[in-house]
Amino acid sequence: MEQDVRELHALSFGPAAVEYAEHRPDYAPAAVRWALESAPGARVLDLGAGTGKLTVTLVALGVDVVAVEPDPAMLTQLRGALPDVRALSGSAEAIPLPDESVDAVLAGNAMHWFDMAVAGPEIARVLAPGGVLAGLWNVMDDRVDWIAGLERVSGRAAIGPRDTFSSWRAATAGLHLPDTNASARFGSAEQSEFPHGQRRTADSLVATIATRAGMLVMPEPEREATLGRIRAFLASRPETSGEFALPMLTGVLRTGQL
């Protein structure tokens, strides 16, 4: 992703922080445990923490978590929801923590926003020896027929390659590496998926999709037309009548320092 496009999308969430906090899913505990299983200790940085969706899971697992988030509106939501968590203003490219102060850095639906040419050395700086870096993405299971249909109707701005089971691995495989000639700070990565079904209604699923960055930066007439197509599709499917189980998984990319 080009730097200017990355920045435009990454900065789009603030105005939708309340909706993001209400509708975005948390992360499968099994996925987070797998991400952390080789970490040398329990000090975890949730980087690009947003409104605290991954932070909640980390707290429930009993680790020592600090959250860092650049957007003030998102950070306000996080602090309100999790007042006992240390939550700092900062970014992947400028982490407000000392050297070797955490054992793992996790990023929930955020690593694709990082400029790893700059963020890679920063993440490596704050990690203790043997530390772990992991990105997590919640993905819809497009092996299910109606999910594949929803993907076609929605378009890539609403449901992109990182958002589905069939393509998330390819779309995220190199995100721990710089996209320039800068030296890589992390080695080869492992990827795995963990079931994380969600209870949804058609309205809440539309509201969730509306918080995607591609939707937030879309011109309003196009955005309303896209959401209208999604609503019509969901209304036409018996699987999405009333409350239903949204087939979802948490995908994890896990790597370590070179």
Protein backbone atom coordinates (compact mmCIF):
# COMPACT_ATOMS: atom_id res chain seq x y z
CA MET A 1 0.00 0.00 0.00
CA GLU A 2 1.45 3.39 -0.98
CA GLN A 3 2.30 5.64 1.94
CA ASP A 4 -0.24 8.41 1.19
CA VAL A 5 -3.06 5.89 0.72
CA ARG A 6 -2.02 4.08 3.91
CA GLU A 7 -2.13 7.31 5.88
CA LEU A 8 -5.52 8.34 4.43
CA HIS A 9 -7.08 5.04 5.41
CA ALA A 10 -5.37 4.81 8.80
CA LEU A 11 -6.65 8.27 9.77
CA SER A 12 -10.23 7.50 8.76
CA PHE A 13 -11.29 5.71 11.94
CA GLY A 14 -11.45 8.60 14.41
CA PRO A 15 -14.81 10.02 13.30
CA ALA A 16 -16.28 6.49 13.55
CA ALA A 17 -14.66 5.60 16.89
CA VAL A 18 -17.97 5.13 18.72
CA GLU A 19 -19.35 2.87 15.99
CA TYR A 20 -16.05 0.98 15.83
CA ALA A 21 -16.18 0.32 19.56
CA GLU A 22 -19.78 -0.84 19.35
CA HIS A 23 -19.67 -3.09 16.31
CA ARG A 24 -16.15 -4.43 15.66
CA PRO A 25 -15.49 -7.93 17.05
CA ASP A 26 -12.87 -8.88 19.60
CA TYR A 27 -10.32 -11.66 18.91
CA ALA A 28 -10.38 -15.40 19.52
CA PRO A 29 -8.59 -16.18 22.80
CA ALA A 30 -7.03 -19.29 21.22
CA ALA A 31 -5.53 -17.10 18.49
CA VAL A 32 -4.01 -14.73 21.04
CA ARG A 33 -2.60 -17.61 23.07
CA TRP A 34 -0.99 -19.03 19.92
CA ALA A 35 0.47 -15.63 19.07
CA LEU A 36 2.07 -15.44 22.52
CA GLU A 37 3.13 -19.05 23.09
CA SER A 38 6.81 -18.49 22.28
CA ALA A 39 7.11 -15.06 23.94
CA PRO A 40 9.78 -14.97 26.68
CA GLY A 41 7.47 -13.26 29.18
CA ALA A 42 4.00 -11.80 29.78
CA ARG A 43 4.64 -8.12 28.98
CA VAL A 44 2.56 -7.36 25.86
CA LEU A 45 2.22 -4.23 23.75
CA ASP A 46 -1.07 -3.88 21.87
CA LEU A 47 0.14 -1.65 19.04
CA GLY A 48 -2.40 0.32 17.04
CA ALA A 49 -4.87 -0.70 19.71
CA GLY A 50 -7.83 1.26 18.38
CA THR A 51 -10.75 1.14 20.80
CA GLY A 52 -9.29 -1.84 22.65
CA LYS A 53 -10.81 -4.85 20.89
CA LEU A 54 -7.61 -6.89 21.18
CA THR A 55 -6.75 -5.30 24.53
CA VAL A 56 -9.91 -6.81 26.03
CA THR A 57 -8.82 -10.31 25.05
CA LEU A 58 -5.31 -9.74 26.36
CA VAL A 59 -6.64 -8.51 29.71
CA ALA A 60 -8.89 -11.57 29.98
CA LEU A 61 -5.85 -13.81 29.42
CA GLY A 62 -4.08 -12.18 32.36
CA VAL A 63 -1.03 -10.72 30.61
CA ASP A 64 0.61 -7.41 31.53
CA VAL A 65 -0.66 -5.24 28.67
CA VAL A 66 0.08 -1.70 27.56
CA ALA A 67 -1.86 -0.20 24.65
CA VAL A 68 -0.55 2.36 22.15
CA GLU A 69 -2.85 4.13 19.69
CA PRO A 70 -2.29 7.25 17.52
CA ASP A 71 -5.89 8.42 17.05
CA PRO A 72 -7.21 10.54 19.95
CA ALA A 73 -10.84 9.56 19.45
CA MET A 74 -10.03 5.85 19.35
CA LEU A 75 -7.80 6.23 22.41
CA THR A 76 -10.61 7.96 24.30
CA GLN A 77 -12.89 4.99 23.64
CA LEU A 78 -10.20 2.56 24.81
CA ARG A 79 -9.54 4.46 28.01
CA GLY A 80 -13.25 4.69 28.76
CA ALA A 81 -13.78 0.96 28.27
CA LEU A 82 -10.58 -0.16 30.01
CA PRO A 83 -9.66 2.45 32.63
CA ASP A 84 -7.20 0.13 34.39
CA VAL A 85 -5.09 -0.46 31.28
CA ARG A 86 -2.09 1.75 30.62
CA ALA A 87 -2.99 3.39 27.29
CA LEU A 88 -0.58 5.76 25.57
CA SER A 89 -0.67 8.03 22.54
CA GLY A 90 1.84 6.85 19.99
CA SER A 91 2.31 4.93 16.77
CA ALA A 92 4.17 1.96 15.36
CA GLU A 93 6.71 4.39 13.96
CA ALA A 94 7.20 6.18 17.30
CA ILE A 95 6.51 3.87 20.24
CA PRO A 96 6.53 5.68 23.62
CA LEU A 97 8.19 2.82 25.53
CA PRO A 98 11.78 2.09 26.66
CA ASP A 99 14.12 -0.37 24.97
CA GLU A 100 13.44 -4.07 25.63
CA SER A 101 10.38 -3.26 27.72
CA VAL A 102 7.92 -5.83 26.29
CA ASP A 103 8.05 -9.53 25.41
CA ALA A 104 5.53 -9.42 22.57
CA VAL A 105 4.02 -6.85 20.24
CA LEU A 106 0.55 -7.68 18.94
CA ALA A 107 -1.47 -5.71 16.39
CA GLY A 108 -5.16 -6.37 15.85
CA ASN A 109 -6.28 -5.42 12.33
CA ALA A 110 -3.52 -2.82 12.36
CA MET A 111 -0.22 -4.16 11.01
CA HIS A 112 -1.20 -3.31 7.43
CA TRP A 113 -1.17 0.37 8.42
CA PHE A 114 2.44 0.25 9.67
CA ASP A 115 5.35 1.63 7.64
CA MET A 116 7.63 -1.27 8.49
CA ALA A 117 10.74 0.48 7.16
CA VAL A 118 10.34 2.74 10.21
CA ALA A 119 8.14 0.64 12.46
CA GLY A 120 10.30 -2.49 12.16
CA PRO A 121 13.29 -0.97 13.98
CA GLU A 122 10.97 0.64 16.55
CA ILE A 123 9.20 -2.64 17.30
CA ALA A 124 12.54 -4.44 17.50
CA ARG A 125 13.82 -1.75 19.88
CA VAL A 126 11.03 -2.23 22.44
CA LEU A 127 11.09 -6.03 22.27
CA ALA A 128 13.13 -8.04 24.74
CA PRO A 129 15.51 -10.65 23.28
CA GLY A 130 13.49 -13.51 21.85
CA GLY A 131 10.42 -11.31 21.62
CA VAL A 132 7.47 -11.98 19.32
CA LEU A 133 5.63 -9.84 16.78
CA ALA A 134 2.16 -10.94 15.70
CA GLY A 135 -0.59 -9.46 13.56
CA LEU A 136 -4.19 -10.62 13.98
CA TRP A 137 -7.09 -10.21 11.55
CA ASN A 138 -10.71 -11.22 11.93
CA VAL A 139 -11.75 -12.82 8.65
CA MET A 140 -15.09 -14.04 7.33
CA ASP A 141 -15.24 -17.64 6.18
CA ASP A 142 -15.92 -17.38 2.44
CA ARG A 143 -16.02 -21.17 2.16
CA VAL A 144 -19.62 -20.60 3.27
CA ASP A 145 -21.80 -19.86 0.25
CA TRP A 146 -23.63 -16.80 1.53
CA ILE A 147 -20.39 -15.21 2.75
CA ALA A 148 -18.90 -15.64 -0.75
CA GLY A 149 -22.02 -13.97 -2.15
CA LEU A 150 -21.75 -11.12 0.35
CA GLU A 151 -18.14 -10.57 -0.69
CA ARG A 152 -19.13 -10.30 -4.37
CA VAL A 153 -21.97 -7.86 -3.65
CA SER A 154 -19.96 -5.71 -1.25
CA GLY A 155 -16.84 -5.03 -3.32
CA ARG A 156 -13.22 -4.80 -2.20
CA ALA A 157 -13.61 -1.54 -0.28
CA ALA A 158 -16.03 -3.25 2.08
CA ILE A 159 -14.64 -6.80 2.12
CA GLY A 160 -11.07 -6.88 0.87
CA PRO A 161 -8.39 -9.55 0.59
CA ARG A 162 -7.45 -9.30 4.29
CA ASP A 163 -11.06 -9.87 5.29
CA THR A 164 -11.74 -13.40 4.02
CA PHE A 165 -10.43 -16.86 4.79
CA SER A 166 -9.45 -17.62 1.19
CA SER A 167 -7.15 -14.63 0.75
CA TRP A 168 -6.00 -13.28 4.11
CA ARG A 169 -2.81 -15.37 4.19
CA ALA A 170 -1.55 -14.11 0.84
CA ALA A 171 -2.64 -10.55 1.64
CA THR A 172 -0.74 -10.42 4.95
CA ALA A 173 2.23 -12.74 4.30
CA GLY A 174 4.84 -9.99 3.99
CA LEU A 175 3.43 -7.31 6.25
CA HIS A 176 6.09 -7.86 8.92
CA LEU A 177 8.74 -6.82 6.36
CA PRO A 178 9.60 -3.36 5.00
CA ASP A 179 8.27 -2.57 1.53
CA THR A 180 11.48 -0.67 0.71
CA ASN A 181 15.15 -1.66 0.65
CA ALA A 182 15.40 -1.19 4.41
CA SER A 183 16.78 -4.11 6.39
CA ALA A 184 14.23 -6.56 7.71
CA ARG A 185 14.13 -6.86 11.51
CA PHE A 186 11.97 -10.00 11.60
CA GLY A 187 12.36 -13.44 10.09
CA SER A 188 10.02 -15.83 8.32
CA ALA A 189 6.47 -15.88 9.63
CA GLU A 190 3.96 -18.56 10.54
CA GLN A 191 0.23 -18.17 9.90
CA SER A 192 -2.75 -19.93 11.43
CA GLU A 193 -6.52 -19.48 11.87
CA PHE A 194 -8.80 -20.01 14.85
CA PRO A 195 -12.63 -20.18 14.86
CA HIS A 196 -14.29 -17.06 16.21
CA GLY A 197 -17.97 -17.06 15.23
CA GLN A 198 -19.99 -13.96 16.06
CA ARG A 199 -23.68 -13.40 16.78
CA ARG A 200 -25.03 -10.79 14.42
CA THR A 201 -28.17 -9.38 12.86
CA ALA A 202 -28.32 -7.99 9.34
CA ASP A 203 -28.29 -4.46 10.77
CA SER A 204 -25.30 -5.07 13.04
CA LEU A 205 -23.34 -6.73 10.22
CA VAL A 206 -23.98 -3.75 7.96
CA ALA A 207 -22.88 -1.45 10.78
CA THR A 208 -19.69 -3.49 11.21
CA ILE A 209 -18.86 -3.34 7.50
CA ALA A 210 -19.52 0.41 7.53
CA THR A 211 -16.55 0.85 9.90
CA ARG A 212 -14.06 -0.58 7.39
CA ALA A 213 -11.50 1.99 6.23
CA GLY A 214 -12.43 1.57 2.57
CA MET A 215 -16.01 2.45 3.43
CA LEU A 216 -15.10 5.38 5.66
CA VAL A 217 -13.10 7.14 2.92
CA MET A 218 -15.66 6.43 0.20
CA PRO A 219 -17.68 9.37 -1.21
CA GLU A 220 -21.03 9.45 0.56
CA PRO A 221 -23.27 8.60 -2.45
CA GLU A 222 -21.10 5.58 -3.29
CA ARG A 223 -21.00 4.54 0.35
CA GLU A 224 -24.78 4.64 0.68
CA ALA A 225 -25.20 2.71 -2.57
CA THR A 226 -22.78 0.03 -1.37
CA LEU A 227 -24.46 -0.31 2.02
CA GLY A 228 -27.82 -0.46 0.25
CA ARG A 229 -26.65 -3.39 -1.88
CA ILE A 230 -25.38 -5.17 1.21
CA ARG A 231 -28.69 -4.65 3.05
CA ALA A 232 -30.65 -5.94 0.08
CA PHE A 233 -28.44 -9.03 -0.20
CA LEU A 234 -28.75 -9.85 3.50
CA ALA A 235 -32.53 -9.39 3.34
CA SER A 236 -32.68 -11.90 0.48
CA ARG A 237 -30.85 -14.69 2.34
CA PRO A 238 -32.60 -17.02 4.79
CA GLU A 239 -29.30 -17.50 6.67
CA THR A 240 -29.32 -13.87 7.80
CA SER A 241 -32.89 -13.65 9.05
CA GLY A 242 -33.11 -12.52 12.67
CA GLU A 243 -30.02 -13.23 14.77
CA PHE A 244 -27.49 -15.53 13.13
CA ALA A 245 -23.99 -16.90 13.56
CA LEU A 246 -21.50 -15.05 11.37
CA PRO A 247 -18.86 -17.60 10.33
CA MET A 248 -15.59 -15.92 11.25
CA LEU A 249 -12.03 -16.83 12.18
CA THR A 250 -9.13 -14.95 13.70
CA GLY A 251 -6.06 -15.26 11.48
CA VAL A 252 -2.61 -14.78 13.02
CA LEU A 253 0.76 -13.99 11.46
CA ARG A 254 3.52 -14.66 13.99
CA THR A 255 7.23 -13.93 13.68
CA GLY A 256 10.32 -13.25 15.76
CA GLN A 257 13.36 -10.99 15.66
CA LEU A 258 16.26 -11.86 13.43
